[in-house]
């Protein structure tokens, strides 16, 4: 069965017991929500790509793993044209006042920061 991958990067988590949960697999050919992952057992999050190098972030014990995508489109009210901005993926973790976020866009540009709103 074919998958419905629509992004340059897909996520995969590594659990403390060595098992992995991918965004897409035979059990979830249309993709699974990151919210469906048992985040209490995550030791690392990776973004995997067929066209770009993969990246990973280790999640410290007691921290909450983070994953999200930011997609943007601007619609001109004058011309009616849409301008699509590249998708930005984020993996990382947060714990109390500490945080680490790795942002990566479709071109492979990376920003590592503790600022959730950096991108």
N, C-alpha and C. Protein backbone atom coordinates (compact mmCIF):
# COMPACT_ATOMS: atom_id res chain seq x y z
N UNK A 1 0.84 -1.18 0.00
CA UNK A 1 0.00 0.00 0.00
C UNK A 1 0.88 1.24 0.00
N UNK A 2 0.60 2.20 -0.86
CA UNK A 2 1.39 3.43 -0.97
C UNK A 2 1.07 4.38 0.17
N UNK A 3 2.07 5.13 0.61
CA UNK A 3 1.86 6.13 1.65
C UNK A 3 1.56 7.48 1.03
N UNK A 4 1.05 8.38 1.85
CA UNK A 4 0.64 9.69 1.38
C UNK A 4 1.60 10.78 1.88
N UNK A 5 2.90 10.54 1.80
CA UNK A 5 3.88 11.50 2.30
C UNK A 5 3.85 12.76 1.45
N UNK A 6 3.68 13.90 2.12
CA UNK A 6 3.58 15.17 1.41
C UNK A 6 4.63 16.18 1.84
N UNK A 7 5.53 15.81 2.71
CA UNK A 7 6.54 16.73 3.22
C UNK A 7 7.93 16.21 2.91
N UNK A 8 8.90 17.12 2.86
CA UNK A 8 10.28 16.73 2.62
C UNK A 8 10.79 15.89 3.79
N UNK A 9 10.35 16.21 5.01
CA UNK A 9 10.76 15.48 6.20
C UNK A 9 9.57 14.80 6.85
N UNK A 10 9.80 13.62 7.37
CA UNK A 10 8.82 12.91 8.19
C UNK A 10 9.48 12.61 9.53
N UNK A 11 8.69 12.56 10.60
CA UNK A 11 9.27 12.32 11.92
C UNK A 11 9.30 10.84 12.26
N UNK A 12 10.20 10.53 13.17
CA UNK A 12 10.27 9.20 13.77
C UNK A 12 10.80 9.38 15.18
N UNK A 13 10.19 8.70 16.14
CA UNK A 13 10.69 8.79 17.51
C UNK A 13 11.36 7.48 17.90
N UNK A 14 12.35 7.60 18.75
CA UNK A 14 13.03 6.47 19.35
C UNK A 14 12.60 6.44 20.81
N UNK A 15 12.13 5.27 21.27
CA UNK A 15 11.69 5.13 22.65
C UNK A 15 12.84 4.58 23.50
N UNK A 16 12.72 4.75 24.80
CA UNK A 16 13.76 4.29 25.73
C UNK A 16 14.03 2.79 25.60
N UNK A 17 13.03 2.01 25.19
CA UNK A 17 13.20 0.56 25.06
C UNK A 17 13.80 0.15 23.71
N UNK A 18 14.16 1.13 22.87
CA UNK A 18 14.79 0.84 21.58
C UNK A 18 13.82 0.74 20.42
N UNK A 19 12.52 0.69 20.71
CA UNK A 19 11.53 0.64 19.62
C UNK A 19 11.38 2.02 18.99
N UNK A 20 10.93 2.03 17.73
CA UNK A 20 10.70 3.29 17.03
C UNK A 20 9.23 3.40 16.64
N UNK A 21 8.76 4.63 16.54
CA UNK A 21 7.43 4.92 16.02
C UNK A 21 7.61 5.91 14.89
N UNK A 22 7.33 5.50 13.65
CA UNK A 22 7.45 6.41 12.52
C UNK A 22 6.13 7.13 12.24
N UNK A 23 6.24 8.26 11.57
CA UNK A 23 5.03 8.98 11.16
C UNK A 23 4.21 8.14 10.18
N UNK A 24 4.90 7.44 9.28
CA UNK A 24 4.24 6.60 8.28
C UNK A 24 4.76 5.18 8.37
N UNK A 25 3.87 4.21 8.34
CA UNK A 25 4.24 2.80 8.22
C UNK A 25 3.00 2.04 7.76
N UNK A 26 3.09 0.72 7.72
CA UNK A 26 1.95 -0.09 7.26
C UNK A 26 0.73 0.09 8.15
N UNK A 27 0.93 0.31 9.44
CA UNK A 27 -0.19 0.51 10.35
C UNK A 27 -0.82 1.89 10.21
N UNK A 28 -0.05 2.84 9.66
CA UNK A 28 -0.54 4.22 9.47
C UNK A 28 -0.09 4.73 8.11
N UNK A 29 -0.60 4.16 7.01
CA UNK A 29 -0.15 4.56 5.67
C UNK A 29 -0.49 6.01 5.32
N UNK A 30 -1.48 6.59 5.99
CA UNK A 30 -1.82 7.99 5.76
C UNK A 30 -1.12 8.90 6.76
N UNK A 31 -0.32 8.32 7.63
CA UNK A 31 0.42 9.08 8.63
C UNK A 31 -0.28 9.06 9.97
N UNK A 32 0.52 9.10 11.04
CA UNK A 32 -0.06 9.17 12.37
C UNK A 32 0.23 10.54 12.97
N UNK A 33 -0.63 10.95 13.84
CA UNK A 33 -0.48 12.22 14.55
C UNK A 33 0.61 12.08 15.61
N UNK A 34 1.41 13.11 15.78
CA UNK A 34 2.42 13.08 16.83
C UNK A 34 1.75 12.99 18.20
N UNK A 35 0.53 13.50 18.30
CA UNK A 35 -0.22 13.43 19.56
C UNK A 35 -0.53 12.00 19.96
N UNK A 36 -0.47 11.05 19.02
CA UNK A 36 -0.75 9.64 19.31
C UNK A 36 0.46 8.94 19.93
N UNK A 37 1.60 9.60 19.97
CA UNK A 37 2.83 9.00 20.50
C UNK A 37 2.85 9.11 22.02
N UNK A 38 3.28 8.04 22.69
CA UNK A 38 3.48 8.07 24.14
C UNK A 38 4.75 8.87 24.41
N UNK A 39 4.59 10.16 24.65
CA UNK A 39 5.75 11.05 24.77
C UNK A 39 6.58 10.79 26.02
N UNK A 40 6.02 10.10 27.00
CA UNK A 40 6.78 9.83 28.23
C UNK A 40 7.91 8.84 28.00
N UNK A 41 7.85 8.10 26.89
CA UNK A 41 8.89 7.09 26.63
C UNK A 41 9.85 7.48 25.52
N UNK A 42 9.78 8.72 25.03
CA UNK A 42 10.60 9.14 23.90
C UNK A 42 12.00 9.55 24.36
N UNK A 43 13.02 8.98 23.71
CA UNK A 43 14.41 9.34 24.03
C UNK A 43 15.05 10.19 22.93
N UNK A 44 14.47 10.17 21.71
CA UNK A 44 14.99 10.99 20.61
C UNK A 44 13.91 11.16 19.55
N UNK A 45 14.00 12.27 18.84
CA UNK A 45 13.11 12.54 17.70
C UNK A 45 14.00 12.79 16.49
N UNK A 46 13.63 12.20 15.36
CA UNK A 46 14.38 12.40 14.12
C UNK A 46 13.45 12.91 13.04
N UNK A 47 14.04 13.68 12.12
CA UNK A 47 13.37 14.05 10.88
C UNK A 47 14.12 13.34 9.77
N UNK A 48 13.42 12.51 9.03
CA UNK A 48 14.02 11.69 7.98
C UNK A 48 13.58 12.21 6.62
N UNK A 49 14.46 12.12 5.62
CA UNK A 49 14.16 12.61 4.28
C UNK A 49 14.85 11.73 3.25
N UNK A 50 14.22 11.62 2.10
CA UNK A 50 14.85 10.91 0.99
C UNK A 50 15.76 11.83 0.19
N UNK A 51 15.60 13.15 0.33
CA UNK A 51 16.35 14.11 -0.48
C UNK A 51 17.27 15.02 0.33
N UNK A 52 17.18 14.99 1.64
CA UNK A 52 18.01 15.84 2.50
C UNK A 52 18.60 14.98 3.61
N UNK A 53 19.70 15.43 4.23
CA UNK A 53 20.23 14.70 5.39
C UNK A 53 19.22 14.67 6.53
N UNK A 54 19.19 13.58 7.26
CA UNK A 54 18.32 13.45 8.42
C UNK A 54 18.93 14.19 9.60
N UNK A 55 18.07 14.61 10.52
CA UNK A 55 18.53 15.28 11.75
C UNK A 55 17.80 14.65 12.93
N UNK A 56 18.46 14.69 14.10
CA UNK A 56 17.87 14.12 15.31
C UNK A 56 18.15 15.01 16.51
N UNK A 57 17.27 14.93 17.50
CA UNK A 57 17.45 15.62 18.77
C UNK A 57 17.19 14.60 19.87
N UNK A 58 18.13 14.50 20.81
CA UNK A 58 17.92 13.63 21.97
C UNK A 58 17.03 14.38 22.97
N UNK A 59 16.13 13.66 23.59
CA UNK A 59 15.21 14.25 24.57
C UNK A 59 15.68 13.84 25.96
N UNK A 60 16.06 14.82 26.79
CA UNK A 60 16.54 14.48 28.13
C UNK A 60 15.44 13.83 28.99
N UNK A 61 15.85 13.04 29.94
CA UNK A 61 14.93 12.40 30.87
C UNK A 61 14.08 13.48 31.55
N UNK A 62 12.77 13.27 31.58
CA UNK A 62 11.86 14.21 32.24
C UNK A 62 11.40 15.36 31.36
N UNK A 63 11.93 15.47 30.14
CA UNK A 63 11.52 16.54 29.23
C UNK A 63 10.38 16.06 28.34
N UNK A 64 9.61 17.00 27.82
CA UNK A 64 8.51 16.70 26.91
C UNK A 64 8.99 16.90 25.48
N UNK A 65 8.90 15.86 24.64
CA UNK A 65 9.31 16.02 23.24
C UNK A 65 8.36 16.95 22.49
N UNK A 66 8.91 17.64 21.50
CA UNK A 66 8.14 18.60 20.71
C UNK A 66 8.32 18.29 19.23
N UNK A 67 7.21 18.32 18.50
CA UNK A 67 7.24 18.25 17.05
C UNK A 67 6.09 19.09 16.52
N UNK A 68 6.38 19.89 15.48
CA UNK A 68 5.31 20.56 14.75
C UNK A 68 5.85 21.01 13.41
N UNK A 69 4.92 21.34 12.53
CA UNK A 69 5.24 21.91 11.21
C UNK A 69 4.56 23.26 11.10
N UNK A 70 5.26 24.20 10.51
CA UNK A 70 4.65 25.50 10.20
C UNK A 70 4.59 25.63 8.69
N UNK A 71 3.37 25.79 8.20
CA UNK A 71 3.14 25.98 6.77
C UNK A 71 2.51 27.35 6.59
N UNK A 72 2.91 28.05 5.55
CA UNK A 72 2.36 29.38 5.35
C UNK A 72 1.97 29.65 3.92
N UNK A 73 0.85 30.33 3.77
CA UNK A 73 0.38 30.78 2.47
C UNK A 73 -0.16 32.19 2.63
N UNK A 74 0.18 33.06 1.70
CA UNK A 74 -0.34 34.41 1.70
C UNK A 74 -1.21 34.58 0.46
N UNK A 75 -2.41 35.09 0.66
CA UNK A 75 -3.34 35.34 -0.43
C UNK A 75 -3.42 36.83 -0.66
N UNK A 76 -3.12 37.25 -1.89
CA UNK A 76 -3.21 38.66 -2.25
C UNK A 76 -4.67 39.00 -2.48
N UNK A 77 -5.19 39.96 -1.73
CA UNK A 77 -6.58 40.39 -1.91
C UNK A 77 -6.76 41.18 -3.20
N UNK A 78 -5.67 41.71 -3.75
CA UNK A 78 -5.74 42.48 -4.98
C UNK A 78 -5.76 41.57 -6.20
N UNK A 79 -4.81 40.63 -6.26
CA UNK A 79 -4.68 39.77 -7.45
C UNK A 79 -5.34 38.40 -7.28
N UNK A 80 -5.58 38.00 -6.05
CA UNK A 80 -6.13 36.67 -5.80
C UNK A 80 -5.09 35.57 -5.86
N UNK A 81 -3.82 35.91 -6.08
CA UNK A 81 -2.76 34.92 -6.17
C UNK A 81 -2.32 34.45 -4.78
N UNK A 82 -1.97 33.19 -4.73
CA UNK A 82 -1.45 32.62 -3.49
C UNK A 82 0.06 32.49 -3.58
N UNK A 83 0.74 32.82 -2.49
CA UNK A 83 2.17 32.59 -2.40
C UNK A 83 2.40 31.63 -1.25
N UNK A 84 2.98 30.47 -1.54
CA UNK A 84 3.25 29.44 -0.54
C UNK A 84 4.66 29.62 -0.01
N UNK A 85 4.79 29.56 1.32
CA UNK A 85 6.10 29.61 1.95
C UNK A 85 6.55 28.18 2.27
N UNK A 86 7.86 27.93 2.23
CA UNK A 86 8.35 26.57 2.52
C UNK A 86 7.92 26.11 3.91
N UNK A 87 7.61 24.84 4.04
CA UNK A 87 7.27 24.26 5.33
C UNK A 87 8.51 24.24 6.22
N UNK A 88 8.32 24.62 7.47
CA UNK A 88 9.38 24.55 8.47
C UNK A 88 8.98 23.49 9.48
N UNK A 89 9.88 22.55 9.72
CA UNK A 89 9.66 21.48 10.69
C UNK A 89 10.41 21.83 11.97
N UNK A 90 9.86 21.40 13.10
CA UNK A 90 10.54 21.62 14.38
C UNK A 90 10.50 20.34 15.19
N UNK A 91 11.66 19.96 15.72
CA UNK A 91 11.77 18.89 16.70
C UNK A 91 12.55 19.44 17.88
N UNK A 92 12.27 18.91 19.05
CA UNK A 92 13.00 19.38 20.22
C UNK A 92 12.36 18.87 21.49
N UNK A 93 12.57 19.62 22.56
CA UNK A 93 12.04 19.26 23.87
C UNK A 93 11.88 20.50 24.73
N UNK A 94 11.04 20.37 25.76
CA UNK A 94 10.89 21.43 26.76
C UNK A 94 10.75 20.81 28.14
N UNK A 95 11.27 21.52 29.13
CA UNK A 95 11.21 21.06 30.51
C UNK A 95 11.30 22.29 31.40
N UNK A 96 10.23 22.58 32.11
CA UNK A 96 10.13 23.76 32.96
C UNK A 96 10.54 24.99 32.15
N UNK A 97 11.61 25.68 32.54
CA UNK A 97 12.03 26.89 31.82
C UNK A 97 13.05 26.61 30.72
N UNK A 98 13.52 25.38 30.62
CA UNK A 98 14.52 25.02 29.62
C UNK A 98 13.85 24.44 28.37
N UNK A 99 14.48 24.68 27.21
CA UNK A 99 13.93 24.14 25.96
C UNK A 99 15.02 24.12 24.90
N UNK A 100 14.83 23.25 23.92
CA UNK A 100 15.72 23.16 22.78
C UNK A 100 14.86 22.85 21.56
N UNK A 101 14.93 23.72 20.53
CA UNK A 101 14.14 23.54 19.32
C UNK A 101 15.07 23.57 18.11
N UNK A 102 14.94 22.56 17.27
CA UNK A 102 15.69 22.51 16.03
C UNK A 102 14.69 22.71 14.90
N UNK A 103 14.82 23.84 14.21
CA UNK A 103 13.96 24.16 13.07
C UNK A 103 14.72 23.82 11.80
N UNK A 104 14.03 23.23 10.84
CA UNK A 104 14.66 22.92 9.55
C UNK A 104 13.63 23.13 8.45
N UNK A 105 14.03 23.83 7.40
CA UNK A 105 13.09 24.07 6.30
C UNK A 105 13.31 23.05 5.18
N UNK A 106 12.51 23.14 4.14
CA UNK A 106 12.55 22.17 3.05
C UNK A 106 13.89 22.17 2.31
N UNK A 107 14.62 23.28 2.40
CA UNK A 107 15.92 23.37 1.75
C UNK A 107 17.06 22.83 2.59
N UNK A 108 16.76 22.42 3.82
CA UNK A 108 17.79 21.88 4.70
C UNK A 108 18.44 22.92 5.60
N UNK A 109 17.97 24.17 5.59
CA UNK A 109 18.50 25.20 6.47
C UNK A 109 18.06 24.94 7.90
N UNK A 110 19.00 25.03 8.84
CA UNK A 110 18.75 24.64 10.23
C UNK A 110 18.97 25.81 11.17
N UNK A 111 18.11 25.88 12.20
CA UNK A 111 18.28 26.82 13.30
C UNK A 111 18.07 26.05 14.59
N UNK A 112 19.04 26.10 15.49
CA UNK A 112 18.93 25.48 16.81
C UNK A 112 18.81 26.60 17.83
N UNK A 113 17.74 26.59 18.61
CA UNK A 113 17.46 27.71 19.51
C UNK A 113 16.64 27.25 20.71
N UNK A 114 16.53 28.12 21.70
CA UNK A 114 15.62 27.86 22.81
C UNK A 114 14.36 28.72 22.71
N UNK A 115 14.22 29.45 21.59
CA UNK A 115 13.09 30.34 21.34
C UNK A 115 12.03 29.65 20.49
N UNK A 116 10.90 29.33 21.09
CA UNK A 116 9.80 28.63 20.41
C UNK A 116 9.28 29.43 19.20
N UNK A 117 9.36 30.73 19.27
CA UNK A 117 8.84 31.61 18.21
C UNK A 117 9.92 32.08 17.23
N UNK A 118 11.06 31.45 17.23
CA UNK A 118 12.19 31.92 16.40
C UNK A 118 11.89 31.90 14.92
N UNK A 119 11.04 31.01 14.48
CA UNK A 119 10.72 30.89 13.05
C UNK A 119 9.23 31.03 12.86
